Amino acid sequence: MKMEKLERPAINQLLGELTGWTLDDAAGSISKTFKFANFVEAFGFMTESALAAEKFNHHPEWFNVYSRVEVKLNTHDAGGLTELDFKLAKAMEKAAAREAIELGD
């Protein structure tokens, strides 16, 4: 099923439901840098996020160095952002929160 590209008002509304995510100048992708206490927390976040991405069949562009994970989301097939990008962003937020709680002690 092809996802429909979102218009700017819908993007702005969905972006307002997220914390720390930024929209690129062309409104074609959203991105965020997640920072963790160490590599194990970052890797745990990536593992949980990968499982969500596979479930949604929607995979992030990301880069990891030690405790930092940079994420960029867009839907290539739609040529921009779709609801799927925001669904995965929310799943990543939950994964980051769990990682901080579970490994933060």
PDB file of N, CA and C in Angstrom:
ATOM      1  N   MET A   1       0.837  -1.174   0.000  1.00  0.00           N
ATOM      2  CA  MET A   1       0.000   0.000   0.000  1.00  0.00           C
ATOM      3  C   MET A   1       0.885   1.240   0.000  1.00  0.00           C
ATOM      4  N   LYS A   2       0.651   2.133  -0.940  1.00  0.00           N
ATOM      5  CA  LYS A   2       1.424   3.357  -1.033  1.00  0.00           C
ATOM      6  C   LYS A   2       0.881   4.398  -0.068  1.00  0.00           C
ATOM      7  N   MET A   3       1.786   4.991   0.689  1.00  0.00           N
ATOM      8  CA  MET A   3       1.407   6.046   1.622  1.00  0.00           C
ATOM      9  C   MET A   3       1.342   7.372   0.871  1.00  0.00           C
ATOM     10  N   GLU A   4       0.391   8.213   1.273  1.00  0.00           N
ATOM     11  CA  GLU A   4       0.228   9.522   0.656  1.00  0.00           C
ATOM     12  C   GLU A   4       1.159  10.533   1.316  1.00  0.00           C
ATOM     13  N   LYS A   5       1.798  11.343   0.504  1.00  0.00           N
ATOM     14  CA  LYS A   5       2.665  12.414   0.990  1.00  0.00           C
ATOM     15  C   LYS A   5       1.818  13.446   1.727  1.00  0.00           C
ATOM     16  N   LEU A   6       2.289  13.849   2.896  1.00  0.00           N
ATOM     17  CA  LEU A   6       1.554  14.814   3.715  1.00  0.00           C
ATOM     18  C   LEU A   6       1.799  16.244   3.240  1.00  0.00           C
ATOM     19  N   GLU A   7       0.781  17.067   3.385  1.00  0.00           N
ATOM     20  CA  GLU A   7       0.903  18.493   3.100  1.00  0.00           C
ATOM     21  C   GLU A   7       1.454  19.193   4.335  1.00  0.00           C
ATOM     22  N   ARG A   8       1.949  20.402   4.155  1.00  0.00           N
ATOM     23  CA  ARG A   8       2.617  21.144   5.232  1.00  0.00           C
ATOM     24  C   ARG A   8       1.754  21.311   6.488  1.00  0.00           C
ATOM     25  N   PRO A   9       0.454  21.643   6.404  1.00  0.00           N
ATOM     26  CA  PRO A   9      -0.333  21.778   7.645  1.00  0.00           C
ATOM     27  C   PRO A   9      -0.385  20.475   8.459  1.00  0.00           C
ATOM     28  N   ALA A  10      -0.520  19.350   7.791  1.00  0.00           N
ATOM     29  CA  ALA A  10      -0.554  18.055   8.485  1.00  0.00           C
ATOM     30  C   ALA A  10       0.813  17.744   9.094  1.00  0.00           C
ATOM     31  N   ILE A  11       1.877  18.075   8.369  1.00  0.00           N
ATOM     32  CA  ILE A  11       3.235  17.857   8.882  1.00  0.00           C
ATOM     33  C   ILE A  11       3.444  18.672  10.145  1.00  0.00           C
ATOM     34  N   ASN A  12       3.046  19.946  10.094  1.00  0.00           N
ATOM     35  CA  ASN A  12       3.221  20.811  11.261  1.00  0.00           C
ATOM     36  C   ASN A  12       2.445  20.303  12.474  1.00  0.00           C
ATOM     37  N   GLN A  13       1.251  19.800  12.237  1.00  0.00           N
ATOM     38  CA  GLN A  13       0.443  19.274  13.333  1.00  0.00           C
ATOM     39  C   GLN A  13       1.108  18.046  13.947  1.00  0.00           C
ATOM     40  N   LEU A  14       1.530  17.107  13.120  1.00  0.00           N
ATOM     41  CA  LEU A  14       2.160  15.886  13.626  1.00  0.00           C
ATOM     42  C   LEU A  14       3.519  16.179  14.274  1.00  0.00           C
ATOM     43  N   LEU A  15       4.259  17.119  13.719  1.00  0.00           N
ATOM     44  CA  LEU A  15       5.544  17.495  14.293  1.00  0.00           C
ATOM     45  C   LEU A  15       5.364  18.110  15.679  1.00  0.00           C
ATOM     46  N   GLY A  16       4.254  18.802  15.868  1.00  0.00           N
ATOM     47  CA  GLY A  16       3.952  19.388  17.173  1.00  0.00           C
ATOM     48  C   GLY A  16       3.702  18.360  18.256  1.00  0.00           C
ATOM     49  N   GLU A  17       3.433  17.123  17.866  1.00  0.00           N
ATOM     50  CA  GLU A  17       3.206  16.039  18.815  1.00  0.00           C
ATOM     51  C   GLU A  17       4.514  15.364  19.242  1.00  0.00           C
ATOM     52  N   LEU A  18       5.628  15.768  18.630  1.00  0.00           N
ATOM     53  CA  LEU A  18       6.934  15.180  18.921  1.00  0.00           C
ATOM     54  C   LEU A  18       7.833  16.205  19.609  1.00  0.00           C
ATOM     55  N   THR A  19       8.798  15.721  20.359  1.00  0.00           N
ATOM     56  CA  THR A  19       9.742  16.603  21.042  1.00  0.00           C
ATOM     57  C   THR A  19      11.136  16.435  20.444  1.00  0.00           C
ATOM     58  N   GLY A  20      11.720  17.551  20.029  1.00  0.00           N
ATOM     59  CA  GLY A  20      13.102  17.531  19.574  1.00  0.00           C
ATOM     60  C   GLY A  20      13.334  17.166  18.127  1.00  0.00           C
ATOM     61  N   TRP A  21      12.290  16.886  17.389  1.00  0.00           N
ATOM     62  CA  TRP A  21      12.430  16.557  15.976  1.00  0.00           C
ATOM     63  C   TRP A  21      12.395  17.846  15.161  1.00  0.00           C
ATOM     64  N   THR A  22      13.215  17.901  14.102  1.00  0.00           N
ATOM     65  CA  THR A  22      13.244  19.079  13.242  1.00  0.00           C
ATOM     66  C   THR A  22      12.862  18.705  11.818  1.00  0.00           C
ATOM     67  N   LEU A  23      12.270  19.665  11.160  1.00  0.00           N
ATOM     68  CA  LEU A  23      11.831  19.512   9.773  1.00  0.00           C
ATOM     69  C   LEU A  23      12.875  20.154   8.876  1.00  0.00           C
ATOM     70  N   ASP A  24      13.261  19.474   7.805  1.00  0.00           N
ATOM     71  CA  ASP A  24      14.232  20.090   6.901  1.00  0.00           C
ATOM     72  C   ASP A  24      13.566  21.225   6.109  1.00  0.00           C
ATOM     73  N   ASP A  25      14.367  22.038   5.444  1.00  0.00           N
ATOM     74  CA  ASP A  25      13.866  23.227   4.762  1.00  0.00           C
ATOM     75  C   ASP A  25      12.810  22.923   3.696  1.00  0.00           C
ATOM     76  N   ALA A  26      12.924  21.788   3.036  1.00  0.00           N
ATOM     77  CA  ALA A  26      11.978  21.431   1.981  1.00  0.00           C
ATOM     78  C   ALA A  26      10.770  20.661   2.507  1.00  0.00           C
ATOM     79  N   ALA A  27      10.682  20.479   3.817  1.00  0.00           N
ATOM     80  CA  ALA A  27       9.609  19.699   4.454  1.00  0.00           C
ATOM     81  C   ALA A  27       9.560  18.272   3.904  1.00  0.00           C
ATOM     82  N   GLY A  28      10.741  17.740   3.577  1.00  0.00           N
ATOM     83  CA  GLY A  28      10.806  16.398   3.015  1.00  0.00           C
ATOM     84  C   GLY A  28      11.256  15.331   3.984  1.00  0.00           C
ATOM     85  N   SER A  29      11.768  15.748   5.152  1.00  0.00           N
ATOM     86  CA  SER A  29      12.212  14.769   6.148  1.00  0.00           C
ATOM     87  C   SER A  29      12.210  15.411   7.530  1.00  0.00           C
ATOM     88  N   ILE A  30      12.175  14.536   8.538  1.00  0.00           N
ATOM     89  CA  ILE A  30      12.322  14.973   9.928  1.00  0.00           C
ATOM     90  C   ILE A  30      13.559  14.279  10.486  1.00  0.00           C
ATOM     91  N   SER A  31      14.201  14.937  11.449  1.00  0.00           N
ATOM     92  CA  SER A  31      15.404  14.345  12.019  1.00  0.00           C
ATOM     93  C   SER A  31      15.527  14.685  13.499  1.00  0.00           C
ATOM     94  N   LYS A  32      16.312  13.850  14.157  1.00  0.00           N
ATOM     95  CA  LYS A  32      16.581  14.056  15.582  1.00  0.00           C
ATOM     96  C   LYS A  32      17.872  13.336  15.943  1.00  0.00           C
ATOM     97  N   THR A  33      18.606  13.919  16.875  1.00  0.00           N
ATOM     98  CA  THR A  33      19.780  13.260  17.440  1.00  0.00           C
ATOM     99  C   THR A  33      19.438  12.805  18.845  1.00  0.00           C
ATOM    100  N   PHE A  34      19.545  11.504  19.070  1.00  0.00           N
ATOM    101  CA  PHE A  34      19.310  10.913  20.383  1.00  0.00           C
ATOM    102  C   PHE A  34      20.668  10.739  21.052  1.00  0.00           C
ATOM    103  N   LYS A  35      20.749  11.101  22.328  1.00  0.00           N
ATOM    104  CA  LYS A  35      21.991  10.947  23.081  1.00  0.00           C
ATOM    105  C   LYS A  35      21.723  10.063  24.294  1.00  0.00           C
ATOM    106  N   PHE A  36      22.608   9.120  24.506  1.00  0.00           N
ATOM    107  CA  PHE A  36      22.474   8.163  25.594  1.00  0.00           C
ATOM    108  C   PHE A  36      23.718   8.210  26.477  1.00  0.00           C
ATOM    109  N   ALA A  37      23.674   7.520  27.591  1.00  0.00           N
ATOM    110  CA  ALA A  37      24.794   7.527  28.536  1.00  0.00           C
ATOM    111  C   ALA A  37      26.002   6.763  28.002  1.00  0.00           C
ATOM    112  N   ASN A  38      25.750   5.764  27.157  1.00  0.00           N
ATOM    113  CA  ASN A  38      26.845   4.931  26.671  1.00  0.00           C
ATOM    114  C   ASN A  38      26.412   4.177  25.413  1.00  0.00           C
ATOM    115  N   PHE A  39      27.332   3.401  24.873  1.00  0.00           N
ATOM    116  CA  PHE A  39      27.070   2.652  23.651  1.00  0.00           C
ATOM    117  C   PHE A  39      25.984   1.595  23.834  1.00  0.00           C
ATOM    118  N   VAL A  40      25.967   0.944  24.978  1.00  0.00           N
ATOM    119  CA  VAL A  40      24.983  -0.111  25.219  1.00  0.00           C
ATOM    120  C   VAL A  40      23.556   0.455  25.154  1.00  0.00           C
ATOM    121  N   GLU A  41      23.336   1.618  25.767  1.00  0.00           N
ATOM    122  CA  GLU A  41      22.016   2.252  25.695  1.00  0.00           C
ATOM    123  C   GLU A  41      21.671   2.640  24.255  1.00  0.00           C
ATOM    124  N   ALA A  42      22.638   3.196  23.540  1.00  0.00           N
ATOM    125  CA  ALA A  42      22.401   3.591  22.149  1.00  0.00           C
ATOM    126  C   ALA A  42      22.063   2.364  21.303  1.00  0.00           C
ATOM    127  N   PHE A  43      22.808   1.291  21.508  1.00  0.00           N
ATOM    128  CA  PHE A  43      22.571   0.069  20.740  1.00  0.00           C
ATOM    129  C   PHE A  43      21.224  -0.555  21.095  1.00  0.00           C
ATOM    130  N   GLY A  44      20.848  -0.501  22.372  1.00  0.00           N
ATOM    131  CA  GLY A  44      19.533  -1.008  22.784  1.00  0.00           C
ATOM    132  C   GLY A  44      18.418  -0.226  22.105  1.00  0.00           C
ATOM    133  N   PHE A  45      18.572   1.094  22.046  1.00  0.00           N
ATOM    134  CA  PHE A  45      17.606   1.947  21.348  1.00  0.00           C
ATOM    135  C   PHE A  45      17.517   1.565  19.871  1.00  0.00           C
ATOM    136  N   MET A  46      18.670   1.374  19.248  1.00  0.00           N
ATOM    137  CA  MET A  46      18.678   1.020  17.825  1.00  0.00           C
ATOM    138  C   MET A  46      18.040  -0.348  17.589  1.00  0.00           C
ATOM    139  N   THR A  47      18.282  -1.271  18.498  1.00  0.00           N
ATOM    140  CA  THR A  47      17.695  -2.608  18.358  1.00  0.00           C
ATOM    141  C   THR A  47      16.173  -2.550  18.441  1.00  0.00           C
ATOM    142  N   GLU A  48      15.663  -1.854  19.453  1.00  0.00           N
ATOM    143  CA  GLU A  48      14.213  -1.741  19.596  1.00  0.00           C
ATOM    144  C   GLU A  48      13.609  -0.964  18.424  1.00  0.00           C
ATOM    145  N   SER A  49      14.285   0.075  17.983  1.00  0.00           N
ATOM    146  CA  SER A  49      13.806   0.859  16.845  1.00  0.00           C
ATOM    147  C   SER A  49      13.809   0.028  15.564  1.00  0.00           C
ATOM    148  N   ALA A  50      14.820  -0.820  15.413  1.00  0.00           N
ATOM    149  CA  ALA A  50      14.897  -1.686  14.233  1.00  0.00           C
ATOM    150  C   ALA A  50      13.727  -2.659  14.188  1.00  0.00           C
ATOM    151  N   LEU A  51      13.327  -3.176  15.342  1.00  0.00           N
ATOM    152  CA  LEU A  51      12.182  -4.088  15.385  1.00  0.00           C
ATOM    153  C   LEU A  51      10.897  -3.367  14.981  1.00  0.00           C
ATOM    154  N   ALA A  52      10.726  -2.134  15.452  1.00  0.00           N
ATOM    155  CA  ALA A  52       9.551  -1.344  15.061  1.00  0.00           C
ATOM    156  C   ALA A  52       9.599  -1.038  13.566  1.00  0.00           C
ATOM    157  N   ALA A  53      10.778  -0.668  13.062  1.00  0.00           N
ATOM    158  CA  ALA A  53      10.920  -0.352  11.638  1.00  0.00           C
ATOM    159  C   ALA A  53      10.564  -1.560  10.776  1.00  0.00           C
ATOM    160  N   GLU A  54      10.993  -2.720  11.191  1.00  0.00           N
ATOM    161  CA  GLU A  54      10.687  -3.935  10.434  1.00  0.00           C
ATOM    162  C   GLU A  54       9.186  -4.230  10.476  1.00  0.00           C
ATOM    163  N   LYS A  55       8.576  -4.043  11.629  1.00  0.00           N
ATOM    164  CA  LYS A  55       7.130  -4.255  11.769  1.00  0.00           C
ATOM    165  C   LYS A  55       6.358  -3.326  10.830  1.00  0.00           C
ATOM    166  N   PHE A  56       6.800  -2.061  10.744  1.00  0.00           N
ATOM    167  CA  PHE A  56       6.126  -1.083   9.881  1.00  0.00           C
ATOM    168  C   PHE A  56       6.578  -1.180   8.427  1.00  0.00           C
ATOM    169  N   ASN A  57       7.630  -1.985   8.171  1.00  0.00           N
ATOM    170  CA  ASN A  57       8.255  -2.051   6.849  1.00  0.00           C
ATOM    171  C   ASN A  57       8.650  -0.642   6.392  1.00  0.00           C
ATOM    172  N   HIS A  58       9.256   0.085   7.319  1.00  0.00           N
ATOM    173  CA  HIS A  58       9.662   1.470   7.070  1.00  0.00           C
ATOM    174  C   HIS A  58      10.957   1.705   7.829  1.00  0.00           C
ATOM    175  N   HIS A  59      12.039   1.908   7.102  1.00  0.00           N
ATOM    176  CA  HIS A  59      13.360   1.870   7.718  1.00  0.00           C
ATOM    177  C   HIS A  59      14.020   3.237   7.740  1.00  0.00           C
ATOM    178  N   PRO A  60      14.649   3.575   8.872  1.00  0.00           N
ATOM    179  CA  PRO A  60      15.259   4.897   9.024  1.00  0.00           C
ATOM    180  C   PRO A  60      16.613   4.999   8.332  1.00  0.00           C
ATOM    181  N   GLU A  61      17.000   6.229   8.095  1.00  0.00           N
ATOM    182  CA  GLU A  61      18.381   6.523   7.747  1.00  0.00           C
ATOM    183  C   GLU A  61      18.993   6.971   9.065  1.00  0.00           C
ATOM    184  N   TRP A  62      20.048   6.290   9.510  1.00  0.00           N
ATOM    185  CA  TRP A  62      20.620   6.664  10.797  1.00  0.00           C
ATOM    186  C   TRP A  62      22.118   6.457  10.826  1.00  0.00           C
ATOM    187  N   PHE A  63      22.717   7.092  11.815  1.00  0.00           N
ATOM    188  CA  PHE A  63      24.160   7.076  11.980  1.00  0.00           C
ATOM    189  C   PHE A  63      24.441   7.014  13.473  1.00  0.00           C
ATOM    190  N   ASN A  64      25.344   6.119  13.859  1.00  0.00           N
ATOM    191  CA  ASN A  64      25.649   5.935  15.284  1.00  0.00           C
ATOM    192  C   ASN A  64      27.147   6.066  15.533  1.00  0.00           C
ATOM    193  N   VAL A  65      27.486   6.861  16.539  1.00  0.00           N
ATOM    194  CA  VAL A  65      28.834   6.905  17.079  1.00  0.00           C
ATOM    195  C   VAL A  65      28.699   6.868  18.595  1.00  0.00           C
ATOM    196  N   TYR A  66      29.240   5.834  19.187  1.00  0.00           N
ATOM    197  CA  TYR A  66      29.222   5.591  20.621  1.00  0.00           C
ATOM    198  C   TYR A  66      27.841   5.817  21.228  1.00  0.00           C
ATOM    199  N   SER A  67      27.597   6.933  21.884  1.00  0.00           N
ATOM    200  CA  SER A  67      26.331   7.139  22.602  1.00  0.00           C
ATOM    201  C   SER A  67      25.344   8.020  21.847  1.00  0.00           C
ATOM    202  N   ARG A  68      25.653   8.369  20.612  1.00  0.00           N
ATOM    203  CA  ARG A  68      24.805   9.267  19.823  1.00  0.00           C
ATOM    204  C   ARG A  68      24.234   8.522  18.617  1.00  0.00           C
ATOM    205  N   VAL A  69      22.925   8.711  18.384  1.00  0.00           N
ATOM    206  CA  VAL A  69      22.271   8.138  17.213  1.00  0.00           C
ATOM    207  C   VAL A  69      21.538   9.264  16.493  1.00  0.00           C
ATOM    208  N   GLU A  70      21.956   9.547  15.274  1.00  0.00           N
ATOM    209  CA  GLU A  70      21.311  10.560  14.446  1.00  0.00           C
ATOM    210  C   GLU A  70      20.328   9.854  13.523  1.00  0.00           C
ATOM    211  N   VAL A  71      19.073  10.330  13.521  1.00  0.00           N
ATOM    212  CA  VAL A  71      18.009   9.683  12.760  1.00  0.00           C
ATOM    213  C   VAL A  71      17.401  10.671  11.766  1.00  0.00           C
ATOM    214  N   LYS A  72      17.149  10.186  10.564  1.00  0.00           N
ATOM    215  CA  LYS A  72      16.443  10.968   9.553  1.00  0.00           C
ATOM    216  C   LYS A  72      15.347  10.073   8.974  1.00  0.00           C
ATOM    217  N   LEU A  73      14.126  10.600   8.945  1.00  0.00           N
ATOM    218  CA  LEU A  73      12.996   9.828   8.437  1.00  0.00           C
ATOM    219  C   LEU A  73      12.329  10.540   7.266  1.00  0.00           C
ATOM    220  N   ASN A  74      12.021   9.784   6.245  1.00  0.00           N
ATOM    221  CA  ASN A  74      11.166  10.220   5.151  1.00  0.00           C
ATOM    222  C   ASN A  74      10.700   8.981   4.401  1.00  0.00           C
ATOM    223  N   THR A  75       9.743   9.165   3.517  1.00  0.00           N
ATOM    224  CA  THR A  75       9.222   8.045   2.739  1.00  0.00           C
ATOM    225  C   THR A  75       9.619   8.262   1.286  1.00  0.00           C
ATOM    226  N   HIS A  76      10.643   7.540   0.848  1.00  0.00           N
ATOM    227  CA  HIS A  76      11.176   7.731  -0.498  1.00  0.00           C
ATOM    228  C   HIS A  76      10.113   7.522  -1.573  1.00  0.00           C
ATOM    229  N   ASP A  77       9.289   6.485  -1.406  1.00  0.00           N
ATOM    230  CA  ASP A  77       8.262   6.187  -2.414  1.00  0.00           C
ATOM    231  C   ASP A  77       7.271   7.328  -2.601  1.00  0.00           C
ATOM    232  N   ALA A  78       7.007   8.074  -1.538  1.00  0.00           N
ATOM    233  CA  ALA A  78       6.044   9.173  -1.604  1.00  0.00           C
ATOM    234  C   ALA A  78       6.724  10.502  -1.950  1.00  0.00           C
ATOM    235  N   GLY A  79       8.036  10.530  -1.895  1.00  0.00           N
ATOM    236  CA  GLY A  79       8.756  11.759  -2.191  1.00  0.00           C
ATOM    237  C   GLY A  79       8.676  12.799  -1.083  1.00  0.00           C
ATOM    238  N   GLY A  80       8.545  12.346   0.154  1.00  0.00           N
ATOM    239  CA  GLY A  80       8.459  13.268   1.283  1.00  0.00           C
ATOM    240  C   GLY A  80       8.023  12.546   2.532  1.00  0.00           C
ATOM    241  N   LEU A  81       7.292  13.248   3.368  1.00  0.00           N
ATOM    242  CA  LEU A  81       6.839  12.699   4.647  1.00  0.00           C
ATOM    243  C   LEU A  81       5.440  12.114   4.554  1.00  0.00           C
ATOM    244  N   THR A  82       5.248  10.995   5.240  1.00  0.00           N
ATOM    245  CA  THR A  82       3.931  10.367   5.337  1.00  0.00           C
ATOM    246  C   THR A  82       3.636  10.096   6.812  1.00  0.00           C
ATOM    247  N   GLU A  83       2.448   9.630   7.087  1.00  0.00           N
ATOM    248  CA  GLU A  83       2.083   9.286   8.465  1.00  0.00           C
ATOM    249  C   GLU A  83       3.007   8.217   9.034  1.00  0.00           C
ATOM    250  N   LEU A  84       3.539   7.371   8.168  1.00  0.00           N
ATOM    251  CA  LEU A  84       4.435   6.305   8.610  1.00  0.00           C
ATOM    252  C   LEU A  84       5.704   6.864   9.259  1.00  0.00           C
ATOM    253  N   ASP A  85       6.201   7.989   8.760  1.00  0.00           N
ATOM    254  CA  ASP A  85       7.390   8.601   9.358  1.00  0.00           C
ATOM    255  C   ASP A  85       7.118   9.030  10.789  1.00  0.00           C
ATOM    256  N   PHE A  86       5.950   9.596  11.010  1.00  0.00           N
ATOM    257  CA  PHE A  86       5.602  10.057  12.352  1.00  0.00           C
ATOM    258  C   PHE A  86       5.281   8.882  13.276  1.00  0.00           C
ATOM    259  N   LYS A  87       4.740   7.815  12.729  1.00  0.00           N
ATOM    260  CA  LYS A  87       4.483   6.614  13.521  1.00  0.00           C
ATOM    261  C   LYS A  87       5.802   6.005  13.993  1.00  0.00           C
ATOM    262  N   LEU A  88       6.791   5.946  13.100  1.00  0.00           N
ATOM    263  CA  LEU A  88       8.093   5.409  13.488  1.00  0.00           C
ATOM    264  C   LEU A  88       8.795   6.353  14.460  1.00  0.00           C
ATOM    265  N   ALA A  89       8.669   7.657  14.263  1.00  0.00           N
ATOM    266  CA  ALA A  89       9.274   8.622  15.189  1.00  0.00           C
ATOM    267  C   ALA A  89       8.716   8.425  16.598  1.00  0.00           C
ATOM    268  N   LYS A  90       7.416   8.214  16.712  1.00  0.00           N
ATOM    269  CA  LYS A  90       6.812   7.996  18.028  1.00  0.00           C
ATOM    270  C   LYS A  90       7.314   6.696  18.646  1.00  0.00           C
ATOM    271  N   ALA A  91       7.464   5.656  17.836  1.00  0.00           N
ATOM    272  CA  ALA A  91       8.000   4.388  18.339  1.00  0.00           C
ATOM    273  C   ALA A  91       9.439   4.576  18.819  1.00  0.00           C
ATOM    274  N   MET A  92      10.202   5.384  18.125  1.00  0.00           N
ATOM    275  CA  MET A  92      11.587   5.650  18.531  1.00  0.00           C
ATOM    276  C   MET A  92      11.622   6.444  19.836  1.00  0.00           C
ATOM    277  N   GLU A  93      10.703   7.358  20.001  1.00  0.00           N
ATOM    278  CA  GLU A  93      10.620   8.112  21.256  1.00  0.00           C
ATOM    279  C   GLU A  93      10.360   7.165  22.431  1.00  0.00           C
ATOM    280  N   LYS A  94       9.458   6.224  22.242  1.00  0.00           N
ATOM    281  CA  LYS A  94       9.163   5.252  23.294  1.00  0.00           C
ATOM    282  C   LYS A  94      10.377   4.382  23.577  1.00  0.00           C
ATOM    283  N   ALA A  95      11.077   3.972  22.527  1.00  0.00           N
ATOM    284  CA  ALA A  95      12.276   3.144  22.710  1.00  0.00           C
ATOM    285  C   ALA A  95      13.342   3.914  23.476  1.00  0.00           C
ATOM    286  N   ALA A  96      13.521   5.183  23.155  1.00  0.00           N
ATOM    287  CA  ALA A  96      14.526   6.002  23.839  1.00  0.00           C
ATOM    288  C   ALA A  96      14.173   6.170  25.308  1.00  0.00           C
ATOM    289  N   ALA A  97      12.908   6.375  25.599  1.00  0.00           N
ATOM    290  CA  ALA A  97      12.468   6.546  26.985  1.00  0.00           C
ATOM    291  C   ALA A  97      12.678   5.254  27.780  1.00  0.00           C
ATOM    292  N   ARG A  98      12.358   4.115  27.180  1.00  0.00           N
ATOM    293  CA  ARG A  98      12.543   2.828  27.866  1.00  0.00           C
ATOM    294  C   ARG A  98      14.022   2.561  28.111  1.00  0.00           C
ATOM    295  N   GLU A  99      14.848   2.887  27.144  1.00  0.00           N
ATOM    296  CA  GLU A  99      16.283   2.631  27.273  1.00  0.00           C
ATOM    297  C   GLU A  99      16.857   3.445  28.423  1.00  0.00           C
ATOM    298  N   ALA A 100      16.431   4.684  28.555  1.00  0.00           N
ATOM    299  CA  ALA A 100      16.925   5.544  29.630  1.00  0.00           C
ATOM    300  C   ALA A 100      16.471   5.038  31.001  1.00  0.00           C
ATOM    301  N   ILE A 101      15.257   4.505  31.072  1.00  0.00           N
ATOM    302  CA  ILE A 101      14.729   4.004  32.336  1.00  0.00           C
ATOM    303  C   ILE A 101      15.379   2.671  32.700  1.00  0.00           C
ATOM    304  N   GLU A 102      15.441   1.745  31.737  1.00  0.00           N
ATOM    305  CA  GLU A 102      15.940   0.400  32.014  1.00  0.00           C
ATOM    306  C   GLU A 102      17.428   0.386  32.309  1.00  0.00           C
ATOM    307  N   LEU A 103      18.210   1.189  31.589  1.00  0.00           N
ATOM    308  CA  LEU A 103      19.655   1.129  31.745  1.00  0.00           C
ATOM    309  C   LEU A 103      20.218   2.314  32.503  1.00  0.00           C
ATOM    310  N   GLY A 104      19.353   3.221  32.920  1.00  0.00           N
ATOM    311  CA  GLY A 104      19.822   4.442  33.550  1.00  0.00           C
ATOM    312  C   GLY A 104      20.294   4.293  34.975  1.00  0.00           C
ATOM    313  N   ASP A 105      20.088   3.165  35.605  1.00  0.00           N
ATOM    314  CA  ASP A 105      20.497   3.059  37.012  1.00  0.00           C
ATOM    315  C   ASP A 105      21.871   2.543  37.213  1.00  0.00           C
TER     316      ASP A 105
END
